[in-house]
């Protein structure tokens, strides 16, 4: 594995703190970046005389911020490190700070280009996550120099072109009809599998850290089978719990109550729940519910193997309703937005 460093856009932080002149700020980041916040907090305090507090709760993306809690925390603003989109500020308090890995994709892209050529899969779409966003155009140019017809994904809303989330695959689906495959830049298997399942195009994860090109189809097909199996297990459930999230960007209450109404009309007993962090441990406290549906984030249901009962995402729940009605299950991944 390459020895790589994380580059936090501190000039972006300097600009924000110089403009806003806060007295106390919060710092948050995904788990893999949390250790980087300790020296960052120290530098901010020494340079600006600003008090800092590091928020240790999980933060899974721009849907999982603390704007609702900032005032109670006594902070003037929050710097979210590593979750960036096409806008710098979300809500009243949160600024999104770029954090990217300083890694060269050159060698792994040569391998990827050879795979694409060998399998005759051009044109190829190129997508990634925010931690590699500044490299996406360079990657496309490198592929083109290697003789590959490469095209950048086309996003919608606040995401940048080529960006995918664990729930948002517009960048891939918007060009899926124009390409025969995808290259995902990075190391996130969930995102790469999501591109494959949302587009049904061969998708290759170009991992620069281990310098390997991974065809995610076998793992994606296995992932899909497990998701479908959970739906069939939930079909026999008499009492179903529906969970709405308390996180500000995951509060899909209308979807939850629509599913509730549909299930009740089909003779199921439904109990409504709400919590912030949906974990196997918390759900184990409820023993008289046969299955759960969560409308927070698809990764909660589909990327967790520790639940002792079926836990379905919103899209899985729609498939469940179709099955109970006697209809075909359909493609539960045939959506640009998995919520």
C-alpha atoms as a PDB file:
ATOM      1  CA  UNK A   1       0.000   0.000   0.000  1.00  0.00           C
ATOM      2  CA  UNK A   2       1.244   3.477  -0.853  1.00  0.00           C
ATOM      3  CA  UNK A   3       2.258   5.896   1.858  1.00  0.00           C
ATOM      4  CA  UNK A   4      -0.162   8.743   1.180  1.00  0.00           C
ATOM      5  CA  UNK A   5      -1.102  11.868   3.062  1.00  0.00           C
ATOM      6  CA  UNK A   6      -4.387  13.645   3.575  1.00  0.00           C
ATOM      7  CA  UNK A   7      -4.432  17.229   2.403  1.00  0.00           C
ATOM      8  CA  UNK A   8      -6.945  19.454   4.198  1.00  0.00           C
ATOM      9  CA  UNK A   9      -7.693  22.756   2.452  1.00  0.00           C
ATOM     10  CA  UNK A  10      -6.470  24.963   5.281  1.00  0.00           C
ATOM     11  CA  UNK A  11      -6.504  28.033   3.036  1.00  0.00           C
ATOM     12  CA  UNK A  12     -10.263  27.497   2.823  1.00  0.00           C
ATOM     13  CA  UNK A  13     -10.416  27.428   6.632  1.00  0.00           C
ATOM     14  CA  UNK A  14      -8.278  30.580   6.839  1.00  0.00           C
ATOM     15  CA  UNK A  15     -10.693  32.443   4.567  1.00  0.00           C
ATOM     16  CA  UNK A  16     -13.773  31.361   6.513  1.00  0.00           C
ATOM     17  CA  UNK A  17     -12.334  32.167   9.940  1.00  0.00           C
ATOM     18  CA  UNK A  18     -11.013  35.534   8.748  1.00  0.00           C
ATOM     19  CA  UNK A  19     -14.438  36.464   7.384  1.00  0.00           C
ATOM     20  CA  UNK A  20     -16.615  35.068  10.174  1.00  0.00           C
ATOM     21  CA  UNK A  21     -14.347  35.797  13.176  1.00  0.00           C
ATOM     22  CA  UNK A  22     -15.925  33.153  15.417  1.00  0.00           C
ATOM     23  CA  UNK A  23     -15.127  32.730  19.124  1.00  0.00           C
ATOM     24  CA  UNK A  24     -15.772  28.982  19.272  1.00  0.00           C
ATOM     25  CA  UNK A  25     -16.070  26.449  16.451  1.00  0.00           C
ATOM     26  CA  UNK A  26     -16.913  22.790  16.075  1.00  0.00           C
ATOM     27  CA  UNK A  27     -14.884  20.352  13.985  1.00  0.00           C
ATOM     28  CA  UNK A  28     -16.312  17.129  12.560  1.00  0.00           C
ATOM     29  CA  UNK A  29     -15.144  14.506  10.084  1.00  0.00           C
ATOM     30  CA  UNK A  30     -15.810  10.921   9.024  1.00  0.00           C
ATOM     31  CA  UNK A  31     -14.190   8.304  11.242  1.00  0.00           C
ATOM     32  CA  UNK A  32     -11.190   7.784   8.990  1.00  0.00           C
ATOM     33  CA  UNK A  33     -10.239  11.466   9.252  1.00  0.00           C
ATOM     34  CA  UNK A  34     -10.950  12.111  12.936  1.00  0.00           C
ATOM     35  CA  UNK A  35      -7.335  11.795  14.071  1.00  0.00           C
ATOM     36  CA  UNK A  36      -6.393  14.610  11.689  1.00  0.00           C
ATOM     37  CA  UNK A  37      -8.675  16.952  13.641  1.00  0.00           C
ATOM     38  CA  UNK A  38      -6.506  16.931  16.782  1.00  0.00           C
ATOM     39  CA  UNK A  39      -3.499  18.753  15.252  1.00  0.00           C
ATOM     40  CA  UNK A  40      -5.851  20.865  13.140  1.00  0.00           C
ATOM     41  CA  UNK A  41      -7.710  22.073  16.236  1.00  0.00           C
ATOM     42  CA  UNK A  42      -4.399  22.975  17.870  1.00  0.00           C
ATOM     43  CA  UNK A  43      -3.271  24.995  14.835  1.00  0.00           C
ATOM     44  CA  UNK A  44      -6.582  26.860  14.670  1.00  0.00           C
ATOM     45  CA  UNK A  45      -6.474  27.751  18.357  1.00  0.00           C
ATOM     46  CA  UNK A  46      -2.884  28.991  18.148  1.00  0.00           C
ATOM     47  CA  UNK A  47      -3.377  30.942  14.920  1.00  0.00           C
ATOM     48  CA  UNK A  48      -6.751  32.557  15.601  1.00  0.00           C
ATOM     49  CA  UNK A  49      -7.307  32.333  19.342  1.00  0.00           C
ATOM     50  CA  UNK A  50     -10.508  30.426  18.594  1.00  0.00           C
ATOM     51  CA  UNK A  51     -11.826  27.777  20.961  1.00  0.00           C
ATOM     52  CA  UNK A  52     -12.473  24.421  19.297  1.00  0.00           C
ATOM     53  CA  UNK A  53     -14.510  21.351  20.114  1.00  0.00           C
ATOM     54  CA  UNK A  54     -14.178  18.096  18.160  1.00  0.00           C
ATOM     55  CA  UNK A  55     -17.474  16.318  17.588  1.00  0.00           C
ATOM     56  CA  UNK A  56     -16.957  12.557  17.961  1.00  0.00           C
ATOM     57  CA  UNK A  57     -20.351  11.370  16.784  1.00  0.00           C
ATOM     58  CA  UNK A  58     -20.380   9.633  13.412  1.00  0.00           C
ATOM     59  CA  UNK A  59     -20.899  11.895  10.446  1.00  0.00           C
ATOM     60  CA  UNK A  60     -21.687   9.978   7.279  1.00  0.00           C
ATOM     61  CA  UNK A  61     -21.991  12.811   4.772  1.00  0.00           C
ATOM     62  CA  UNK A  62     -23.750  16.066   3.996  1.00  0.00           C
ATOM     63  CA  UNK A  63     -27.010  14.452   5.132  1.00  0.00           C
ATOM     64  CA  UNK A  64     -25.547  14.030   8.615  1.00  0.00           C
ATOM     65  CA  UNK A  65     -24.632  17.481   9.933  1.00  0.00           C
ATOM     66  CA  UNK A  66     -25.114  19.278  13.263  1.00  0.00           C
ATOM     67  CA  UNK A  67     -26.797  22.532  12.258  1.00  0.00           C
ATOM     68  CA  UNK A  68     -29.684  21.732  14.616  1.00  0.00           C
ATOM     69  CA  UNK A  69     -27.279  21.216  17.533  1.00  0.00           C
ATOM     70  CA  UNK A  70     -24.752  23.990  16.904  1.00  0.00           C
ATOM     71  CA  UNK A  71     -26.459  26.608  19.054  1.00  0.00           C
ATOM     72  CA  UNK A  72     -26.827  24.181  21.926  1.00  0.00           C
ATOM     73  CA  UNK A  73     -23.121  23.363  21.616  1.00  0.00           C
ATOM     74  CA  UNK A  74     -22.307  27.049  21.905  1.00  0.00           C
ATOM     75  CA  UNK A  75     -20.367  27.212  18.636  1.00  0.00           C
ATOM     76  CA  UNK A  76     -20.528  29.969  16.060  1.00  0.00           C
ATOM     77  CA  UNK A  77     -19.860  27.647  13.121  1.00  0.00           C
ATOM     78  CA  UNK A  78     -18.898  24.073  12.318  1.00  0.00           C
ATOM     79  CA  UNK A  79     -16.197  22.922   9.916  1.00  0.00           C
ATOM     80  CA  UNK A  80     -17.073  19.573   8.359  1.00  0.00           C
ATOM     81  CA  UNK A  81     -13.802  18.134   7.063  1.00  0.00           C
ATOM     82  CA  UNK A  82     -13.873  15.770   4.105  1.00  0.00           C
ATOM     83  CA  UNK A  83     -17.480  15.960   2.936  1.00  0.00           C
ATOM     84  CA  UNK A  84     -17.549  18.451   0.092  1.00  0.00           C
ATOM     85  CA  UNK A  85     -20.059  19.061  -2.685  1.00  0.00           C
ATOM     86  CA  UNK A  86     -20.688  21.878  -5.128  1.00  0.00           C
ATOM     87  CA  UNK A  87     -21.492  24.411  -2.396  1.00  0.00           C
ATOM     88  CA  UNK A  88     -19.327  25.486   0.523  1.00  0.00           C
ATOM     89  CA  UNK A  89     -21.994  26.077   3.171  1.00  0.00           C
ATOM     90  CA  UNK A  90     -25.002  23.998   4.201  1.00  0.00           C
ATOM     91  CA  UNK A  91     -27.503  25.435   6.615  1.00  0.00           C
ATOM     92  CA  UNK A  92     -26.788  28.222   9.042  1.00  0.00           C
ATOM     93  CA  UNK A  93     -23.647  26.848  10.680  1.00  0.00           C
ATOM     94  CA  UNK A  94     -21.826  24.221   8.610  1.00  0.00           C
ATOM     95  CA  UNK A  95     -18.979  24.853   6.187  1.00  0.00           C
ATOM     96  CA  UNK A  96     -17.744  21.955   4.057  1.00  0.00           C
ATOM     97  CA  UNK A  97     -13.955  21.769   3.914  1.00  0.00           C
ATOM     98  CA  UNK A  98     -12.189  19.858   1.162  1.00  0.00           C
ATOM     99  CA  UNK A  99      -9.911  17.033   2.258  1.00  0.00           C
ATOM    100  CA  UNK A 100      -8.253  14.958  -0.438  1.00  0.00           C
ATOM    101  CA  UNK A 101      -5.695  12.195  -0.495  1.00  0.00           C
ATOM    102  CA  UNK A 102      -2.386  13.070  -2.101  1.00  0.00           C
ATOM    103  CA  UNK A 103      -2.137   9.993  -4.292  1.00  0.00           C
ATOM    104  CA  UNK A 104      -1.210   9.382  -7.916  1.00  0.00           C
ATOM    105  CA  UNK A 105      -3.729   7.446 -10.017  1.00  0.00           C
ATOM    106  CA  UNK A 106      -1.367   7.215 -12.986  1.00  0.00           C
ATOM    107  CA  UNK A 107      -0.265   3.589 -12.660  1.00  0.00           C
ATOM    108  CA  UNK A 108      -3.672   2.183 -11.720  1.00  0.00           C
ATOM    109  CA  UNK A 109      -5.285   4.053 -14.620  1.00  0.00           C
ATOM    110  CA  UNK A 110      -2.878   2.359 -17.021  1.00  0.00           C
ATOM    111  CA  UNK A 111      -4.111  -0.976 -15.667  1.00  0.00           C
ATOM    112  CA  UNK A 112      -7.730   0.180 -15.934  1.00  0.00           C
ATOM    113  CA  UNK A 113      -7.251   1.342 -19.511  1.00  0.00           C
ATOM    114  CA  UNK A 114      -5.824  -2.063 -20.433  1.00  0.00           C
ATOM    115  CA  UNK A 115      -8.871  -3.778 -18.913  1.00  0.00           C
ATOM    116  CA  UNK A 116     -11.301  -1.501 -20.759  1.00  0.00           C
ATOM    117  CA  UNK A 117      -9.517  -2.066 -24.067  1.00  0.00           C
ATOM    118  CA  UNK A 118      -9.261  -5.825 -23.601  1.00  0.00           C
ATOM    119  CA  UNK A 119     -12.962  -6.128 -22.822  1.00  0.00           C
ATOM    120  CA  UNK A 120     -13.972  -3.611 -25.511  1.00  0.00           C
ATOM    121  CA  UNK A 121     -15.975  -1.523 -23.032  1.00  0.00           C
ATOM    122  CA  UNK A 122     -15.590   1.990 -24.423  1.00  0.00           C
ATOM    123  CA  UNK A 123     -16.810   4.633 -23.930  1.00  0.00           C
ATOM    124  CA  UNK A 124     -16.180   4.620 -20.185  1.00  0.00           C
ATOM    125  CA  UNK A 125     -17.709   6.950 -17.622  1.00  0.00           C
ATOM    126  CA  UNK A 126     -15.542   8.276 -14.797  1.00  0.00           C
ATOM    127  CA  UNK A 127     -16.932   8.944 -11.308  1.00  0.00           C
ATOM    128  CA  UNK A 128     -15.531   9.355  -7.808  1.00  0.00           C
ATOM    129  CA  UNK A 129     -16.149  10.717  -4.298  1.00  0.00           C
ATOM    130  CA  UNK A 130     -15.167  14.083  -2.847  1.00  0.00           C
ATOM    131  CA  UNK A 131     -11.790  12.894  -1.507  1.00  0.00           C
ATOM    132  CA  UNK A 132     -10.516  12.596  -5.101  1.00  0.00           C
ATOM    133  CA  UNK A 133     -12.556  15.299  -6.803  1.00  0.00           C
ATOM    134  CA  UNK A 134      -9.655  17.465  -7.995  1.00  0.00           C
ATOM    135  CA  UNK A 135      -8.220  14.504  -9.885  1.00  0.00           C
ATOM    136  CA  UNK A 136     -11.240  13.585 -11.980  1.00  0.00           C
ATOM    137  CA  UNK A 137     -10.393  15.717 -15.022  1.00  0.00           C
ATOM    138  CA  UNK A 138      -6.745  14.665 -14.912  1.00  0.00           C
ATOM    139  CA  UNK A 139      -7.891  11.048 -14.817  1.00  0.00           C
ATOM    140  CA  UNK A 140     -10.056  11.583 -17.884  1.00  0.00           C
ATOM    141  CA  UNK A 141      -7.192  13.259 -19.745  1.00  0.00           C
ATOM    142  CA  UNK A 142      -4.826  10.412 -18.812  1.00  0.00           C
ATOM    143  CA  UNK A 143      -7.307   7.837 -20.072  1.00  0.00           C
ATOM    144  CA  UNK A 144      -7.775   9.768 -23.288  1.00  0.00           C
ATOM    145  CA  UNK A 145      -3.993   9.872 -23.816  1.00  0.00           C
ATOM    146  CA  UNK A 146      -4.041   6.099 -23.375  1.00  0.00           C
ATOM    147  CA  UNK A 147      -6.543   5.892 -26.235  1.00  0.00           C
ATOM    148  CA  UNK A 148      -9.670   5.474 -24.086  1.00  0.00           C
ATOM    149  CA  UNK A 149     -12.900   7.356 -24.824  1.00  0.00           C
ATOM    150  CA  UNK A 150     -13.515   8.606 -21.266  1.00  0.00           C
ATOM    151  CA  UNK A 151     -16.371  10.831 -20.128  1.00  0.00           C
ATOM    152  CA  UNK A 152     -17.128  12.606 -16.865  1.00  0.00           C
ATOM    153  CA  UNK A 153     -20.351  11.860 -15.028  1.00  0.00           C
ATOM    154  CA  UNK A 154     -23.106  14.488 -15.018  1.00  0.00           C
ATOM    155  CA  UNK A 155     -24.461  15.343 -11.583  1.00  0.00           C
ATOM    156  CA  UNK A 156     -27.656  17.035 -10.477  1.00  0.00           C
ATOM    157  CA  UNK A 157     -28.327  19.412  -7.620  1.00  0.00           C
ATOM    158  CA  UNK A 158     -25.433  20.390  -5.360  1.00  0.00           C
ATOM    159  CA  UNK A 159     -23.060  17.565  -6.283  1.00  0.00           C
ATOM    160  CA  UNK A 160     -20.137  18.211  -8.626  1.00  0.00           C
ATOM    161  CA  UNK A 161     -20.038  16.449 -11.992  1.00  0.00           C
ATOM    162  CA  UNK A 162     -18.705  12.939 -11.581  1.00  0.00           C
ATOM    163  CA  UNK A 163     -19.483  12.769  -7.858  1.00  0.00           C
ATOM    164  CA  UNK A 164     -21.449   9.877  -6.378  1.00  0.00           C
ATOM    165  CA  UNK A 165     -22.794   9.460  -2.862  1.00  0.00           C
ATOM    166  CA  UNK A 166     -23.878   6.282  -1.093  1.00  0.00           C
ATOM    167  CA  UNK A 167     -27.420   7.318  -1.947  1.00  0.00           C
ATOM    168  CA  UNK A 168     -27.004   9.503  -5.037  1.00  0.00           C
ATOM    169  CA  UNK A 169     -25.960   8.052  -8.392  1.00  0.00           C
ATOM    170  CA  UNK A 170     -27.197  10.740 -10.784  1.00  0.00           C
ATOM    171  CA  UNK A 171     -23.649  11.304 -12.074  1.00  0.00           C
ATOM    172  CA  UNK A 172     -23.486   7.738 -13.305  1.00  0.00           C
ATOM    173  CA  UNK A 173     -27.066   7.183 -14.423  1.00  0.00           C
ATOM    174  CA  UNK A 174     -27.221  10.434 -16.390  1.00  0.00           C
ATOM    175  CA  UNK A 175     -24.561   9.146 -18.789  1.00  0.00           C
ATOM    176  CA  UNK A 176     -25.253   5.403 -18.518  1.00  0.00           C
ATOM    177  CA  UNK A 177     -26.908   5.276 -21.957  1.00  0.00           C
ATOM    178  CA  UNK A 178     -23.838   6.863 -23.525  1.00  0.00           C
ATOM    179  CA  UNK A 179     -21.155   4.599 -22.033  1.00  0.00           C
ATOM    180  CA  UNK A 180     -20.469   0.879 -21.861  1.00  0.00           C
ATOM    181  CA  UNK A 181     -18.662   0.820 -18.522  1.00  0.00           C
ATOM    182  CA  UNK A 182     -17.543   2.916 -15.562  1.00  0.00           C
ATOM    183  CA  UNK A 183     -14.311   3.538 -13.719  1.00  0.00           C
ATOM    184  CA  UNK A 184     -14.709   4.555 -10.098  1.00  0.00           C
ATOM    185  CA  UNK A 185     -11.696   6.443  -8.748  1.00  0.00           C
ATOM    186  CA  UNK A 186     -10.983   5.437  -5.171  1.00  0.00           C
ATOM    187  CA  UNK A 187     -11.234   2.649  -2.650  1.00  0.00           C
ATOM    188  CA  UNK A 188     -14.904   2.644  -1.609  1.00  0.00           C
ATOM    189  CA  UNK A 189     -16.451  -0.651  -2.648  1.00  0.00           C
ATOM    190  CA  UNK A 190     -19.940   0.470  -1.612  1.00  0.00           C
ATOM    191  CA  UNK A 191     -19.854   3.458  -3.951  1.00  0.00           C
ATOM    192  CA  UNK A 192     -18.393   1.403  -6.798  1.00  0.00           C
ATOM    193  CA  UNK A 193     -20.993  -1.340  -6.325  1.00  0.00           C
ATOM    194  CA  UNK A 194     -23.679   1.328  -6.218  1.00  0.00           C
ATOM    195  CA  UNK A 195     -22.602   2.605  -9.625  1.00  0.00           C
ATOM    196  CA  UNK A 196     -22.755  -0.933 -11.015  1.00  0.00           C
ATOM    197  CA  UNK A 197     -26.172  -1.710  -9.506  1.00  0.00           C
ATOM    198  CA  UNK A 198     -27.714   1.659 -10.399  1.00  0.00           C
ATOM    199  CA  UNK A 199     -26.538   1.517 -14.025  1.00  0.00           C
ATOM    200  CA  UNK A 200     -26.084  -2.206 -14.771  1.00  0.00           C
ATOM    201  CA  UNK A 201     -22.865  -1.300 -16.550  1.00  0.00           C
ATOM    202  CA  UNK A 202     -19.540  -3.089 -15.879  1.00  0.00           C
ATOM    203  CA  UNK A 203     -17.815  -1.050 -13.195  1.00  0.00           C
ATOM    204  CA  UNK A 204     -14.161  -1.131 -12.204  1.00  0.00           C
ATOM    205  CA  UNK A 205     -12.787   0.338  -9.002  1.00  0.00           C
ATOM    206  CA  UNK A 206      -9.396   1.920  -9.675  1.00  0.00           C
ATOM    207  CA  UNK A 207      -7.720   1.716  -6.259  1.00  0.00           C
ATOM    208  CA  UNK A 208      -4.501   3.791  -6.227  1.00  0.00           C
ATOM    209  CA  UNK A 209      -3.626   2.772  -2.674  1.00  0.00           C
ATOM    210  CA  UNK A 210      -3.149  -0.913  -3.520  1.00  0.00           C
ATOM    211  CA  UNK A 211      -2.648  -0.258  -7.245  1.00  0.00           C
ATOM    212  CA  UNK A 212      -5.377  -2.664  -8.304  1.00  0.00           C
ATOM    213  CA  UNK A 213      -8.333  -2.600 -10.655  1.00  0.00           C
ATOM    214  CA  UNK A 214     -11.329  -4.425  -9.212  1.00  0.00           C
ATOM    215  CA  UNK A 215     -14.325  -5.606 -11.211  1.00  0.00           C
ATOM    216  CA  UNK A 216     -17.084  -5.059  -8.657  1.00  0.00           C
ATOM    217  CA  UNK A 217     -19.686  -7.196 -10.449  1.00  0.00           C
ATOM    218  CA  UNK A 218     -19.158 -10.393  -8.381  1.00  0.00           C
ATOM    219  CA  UNK A 219     -19.349  -8.506  -5.097  1.00  0.00           C
ATOM    220  CA  UNK A 220     -22.216  -6.364  -6.382  1.00  0.00           C
ATOM    221  CA  UNK A 221     -24.212  -9.418  -7.450  1.00  0.00           C
ATOM    222  CA  UNK A 222     -23.669 -10.978  -4.018  1.00  0.00           C
ATOM    223  CA  UNK A 223     -24.739  -7.720  -2.388  1.00  0.00           C
ATOM    224  CA  UNK A 224     -27.905  -7.686  -4.499  1.00  0.00           C
ATOM    225  CA  UNK A 225     -28.779 -11.293  -3.623  1.00  0.00           C
ATOM    226  CA  UNK A 226     -28.488 -10.515   0.096  1.00  0.00           C
ATOM    227  CA  UNK A 227     -30.660  -7.411  -0.290  1.00  0.00           C
ATOM    228  CA  UNK A 228     -33.336  -9.427  -2.117  1.00  0.00           C
ATOM    229  CA  UNK A 229     -33.167 -12.240   0.447  1.00  0.00           C
ATOM    230  CA  UNK A 230     -33.883  -9.716   3.210  1.00  0.00           C
ATOM    231  CA  UNK A 231     -37.012  -8.623   1.350  1.00  0.00           C
ATOM    232  CA  UNK A 232     -38.300 -12.185   1.047  1.00  0.00           C
ATOM    233  CA  UNK A 233     -37.625 -12.792   4.746  1.00  0.00           C
ATOM    234  CA  UNK A 234     -39.574  -9.630   5.602  1.00  0.00           C
ATOM    235  CA  UNK A 235     -42.525 -10.760   3.474  1.00  0.00           C
ATOM    236  CA  UNK A 236     -43.657 -13.094   6.273  1.00  0.00           C
ATOM    237  CA  UNK A 237     -43.366 -10.423   8.966  1.00  0.00           C
ATOM    238  CA  UNK A 238     -46.622  -9.593  10.728  1.00  0.00           C
ATOM    239  CA  UNK A 239     -45.377  -6.640  12.789  1.00  0.00           C
ATOM    240  CA  UNK A 240     -43.031  -4.238  11.020  1.00  0.00           C
ATOM    241  CA  UNK A 241     -41.203  -1.322  12.581  1.00  0.00           C
ATOM    242  CA  UNK A 242     -40.598   1.762  10.451  1.00  0.00           C
ATOM    243  CA  UNK A 243     -37.722   3.974  11.532  1.00  0.00           C
ATOM    244  CA  UNK A 244     -37.371   7.658  10.744  1.00  0.00           C
ATOM    245  CA  UNK A 245     -34.023   9.283  11.424  1.00  0.00           C
ATOM    246  CA  UNK A 246     -33.498  12.325  13.625  1.00  0.00           C
ATOM    247  CA  UNK A 247     -30.529  13.410  11.478  1.00  0.00           C
ATOM    248  CA  UNK A 248     -31.335  16.603   9.656  1.00  0.00           C
ATOM    249  CA  UNK A 249     -30.608  15.376   6.134  1.00  0.00           C
ATOM    250  CA  UNK A 250     -32.113  11.913   6.631  1.00  0.00           C
ATOM    251  CA  UNK A 251     -35.533  12.955   7.912  1.00  0.00           C
ATOM    252  CA  UNK A 252     -37.691  11.356   5.223  1.00  0.00           C
ATOM    253  CA  UNK A 253     -40.911  11.308   7.217  1.00  0.00           C
ATOM    254  CA  UNK A 254     -43.339  11.494   4.294  1.00  0.00           C
ATOM    255  CA  UNK A 255     -41.773   8.408   2.703  1.00  0.00           C
ATOM    256  CA  UNK A 256     -41.989   6.573   6.023  1.00  0.00           C
ATOM    257  CA  UNK A 257     -45.680   7.317   6.502  1.00  0.00           C
ATOM    258  CA  UNK A 258     -46.489   6.409   2.904  1.00  0.00           C
ATOM    259  CA  UNK A 259     -44.903   2.989   3.461  1.00  0.00           C
ATOM    260  CA  UNK A 260     -46.818   2.709   6.745  1.00  0.00           C
ATOM    261  CA  UNK A 261     -50.120   3.385   4.986  1.00  0.00           C
ATOM    262  CA  UNK A 262     -49.373   0.885   2.212  1.00  0.00           C
ATOM    263  CA  UNK A 263     -48.361  -1.873   4.624  1.00  0.00           C
ATOM    264  CA  UNK A 264     -51.371  -1.342   6.872  1.00  0.00           C
ATOM    265  CA  UNK A 265     -53.680  -1.539   3.856  1.00  0.00           C
ATOM    266  CA  UNK A 266     -52.077  -4.932   3.153  1.00  0.00           C
ATOM    267  CA  UNK A 267     -52.864  -6.212   6.646  1.00  0.00           C
ATOM    268  CA  UNK A 268     -49.515  -5.640   8.383  1.00  0.00           C
ATOM    269  CA  UNK A 269     -49.178  -4.205  11.864  1.00  0.00           C
ATOM    270  CA  UNK A 270     -46.873  -1.185  11.817  1.00  0.00           C
ATOM    271  CA  UNK A 271     -45.041   0.493  14.690  1.00  0.00           C
ATOM    272  CA  UNK A 272     -43.244   3.790  14.148  1.00  0.00           C
ATOM    273  CA  UNK A 273     -39.813   4.428  15.659  1.00  0.00           C
ATOM    274  CA  UNK A 274     -37.340   7.289  15.532  1.00  0.00           C
ATOM    275  CA  UNK A 275     -33.691   7.523  16.524  1.00  0.00           C
ATOM    276  CA  UNK A 276     -30.474   9.141  15.461  1.00  0.00           C
ATOM    277  CA  UNK A 277     -28.032   6.235  15.017  1.00  0.00           C
ATOM    278  CA  UNK A 278     -29.629   3.014  13.750  1.00  0.00           C
ATOM    279  CA  UNK A 279     -27.543   0.116  15.059  1.00  0.00           C
ATOM    280  CA  UNK A 280     -28.080  -3.594  15.617  1.00  0.00           C
ATOM    281  CA  UNK A 281     -27.621  -3.073  19.345  1.00  0.00           C
ATOM    282  CA  UNK A 282     -30.443  -0.540  19.571  1.00  0.00           C
ATOM    283  CA  UNK A 283     -32.851  -2.652  17.530  1.00  0.00           C
ATOM    284  CA  UNK A 284     -32.162  -5.685  19.713  1.00  0.00           C
ATOM    285  CA  UNK A 285     -33.885  -3.839  22.543  1.00  0.00           C
ATOM    286  CA  UNK A 286     -37.200  -4.362  20.680  1.00  0.00           C
ATOM    287  CA  UNK A 287     -38.100  -8.050  20.598  1.00  0.00           C
ATOM    288  CA  UNK A 288     -41.746  -8.032  19.432  1.00  0.00           C
ATOM    289  CA  UNK A 289     -41.117  -6.638  15.933  1.00  0.00           C
ATOM    290  CA  UNK A 290     -40.475  -9.079  13.082  1.00  0.00           C
ATOM    291  CA  UNK A 291     -38.726  -6.757  10.632  1.00  0.00           C
ATOM    292  CA  UNK A 292     -37.706  -3.122  10.280  1.00  0.00           C
ATOM    293  CA  UNK A 293     -37.747  -0.555   7.494  1.00  0.00           C
ATOM    294  CA  UNK A 294     -35.503   2.499   7.770  1.00  0.00           C
ATOM    295  CA  UNK A 295     -35.894   5.593   5.631  1.00  0.00           C
ATOM    296  CA  UNK A 296     -32.649   7.236   6.772  1.00  0.00           C
ATOM    297  CA  UNK A 297     -29.843   5.957   4.553  1.00  0.00           C
ATOM    298  CA  UNK A 298     -29.615   2.897   2.294  1.00  0.00           C
ATOM    299  CA  UNK A 299     -26.228   1.950   3.716  1.00  0.00           C
ATOM    300  CA  UNK A 300     -27.761   1.381   7.160  1.00  0.00           C
ATOM    301  CA  UNK A 301     -29.848  -1.508   5.864  1.00  0.00           C
ATOM    302  CA  UNK A 302     -27.745  -2.807   3.009  1.00  0.00           C
ATOM    303  CA  UNK A 303     -24.192  -2.422   4.327  1.00  0.00           C
ATOM    304  CA  UNK A 304     -24.673  -3.917   7.802  1.00  0.00           C
ATOM    305  CA  UNK A 305     -24.575  -7.648   8.465  1.00  0.00           C
ATOM    306  CA  UNK A 306     -25.117  -7.498  12.235  1.00  0.00           C
ATOM    307  CA  UNK A 307     -28.904  -7.137  12.339  1.00  0.00           C
ATOM    308  CA  UNK A 308     -30.713 -10.164  13.765  1.00  0.00           C
ATOM    309  CA  UNK A 309     -33.874  -9.520  11.710  1.00  0.00           C
ATOM    310  CA  UNK A 310     -34.559  -8.153   8.251  1.00  0.00           C
ATOM    311  CA  UNK A 311     -33.837  -4.419   8.063  1.00  0.00           C
ATOM    312  CA  UNK A 312     -34.872  -2.882   4.756  1.00  0.00           C
ATOM    313  CA  UNK A 313     -34.064   0.396   3.067  1.00  0.00           C
ATOM    314  CA  UNK A 314     -36.811   2.507   1.538  1.00  0.00           C
ATOM    315  CA  UNK A 315     -36.203   1.035  -1.931  1.00  0.00           C
ATOM    316  CA  UNK A 316     -36.286  -2.474  -0.488  1.00  0.00           C
ATOM    317  CA  UNK A 317     -39.553  -1.582   1.223  1.00  0.00           C
ATOM    318  CA  UNK A 318     -41.079  -0.582  -2.105  1.00  0.00           C
ATOM    319  CA  UNK A 319     -40.073  -3.991  -3.436  1.00  0.00           C
ATOM    320  CA  UNK A 320     -41.602  -5.654  -0.373  1.00  0.00           C
ATOM    321  CA  UNK A 321     -44.917  -3.902  -0.980  1.00  0.00           C
ATOM    322  CA  UNK A 322     -44.920  -5.101  -4.574  1.00  0.00           C
ATOM    323  CA  UNK A 323     -44.295  -8.673  -3.440  1.00  0.00           C
ATOM    324  CA  UNK A 324     -47.090  -8.585  -0.863  1.00  0.00           C
ATOM    325  CA  UNK A 325     -49.425  -7.323  -3.589  1.00  0.00           C
ATOM    326  CA  UNK A 326     -48.489 -10.337  -5.712  1.00  0.00           C
ATOM    327  CA  UNK A 327     -46.477  -8.273  -8.193  1.00  0.00           C
ATOM    328  CA  UNK A 328     -42.929  -8.781  -9.413  1.00  0.00           C
ATOM    329  CA  UNK A 329     -40.198  -7.581  -7.095  1.00  0.00           C
ATOM    330  CA  UNK A 330     -38.718  -5.338  -9.779  1.00  0.00           C
ATOM    331  CA  UNK A 331     -35.234  -3.831  -9.767  1.00  0.00           C
ATOM    332  CA  UNK A 332     -34.752  -2.353  -6.307  1.00  0.00           C
ATOM    333  CA  UNK A 333     -31.631  -0.509  -7.464  1.00  0.00           C
ATOM    334  CA  UNK A 334     -33.141   1.148 -10.511  1.00  0.00           C
ATOM    335  CA  UNK A 335     -33.089   4.620  -8.944  1.00  0.00           C
ATOM    336  CA  UNK A 336     -30.770   7.619  -9.154  1.00  0.00           C
ATOM    337  CA  UNK A 337     -31.478   8.510  -5.526  1.00  0.00           C
ATOM    338  CA  UNK A 338     -31.643   5.559  -3.128  1.00  0.00           C
ATOM    339  CA  UNK A 339     -33.950   7.121  -0.532  1.00  0.00           C
END
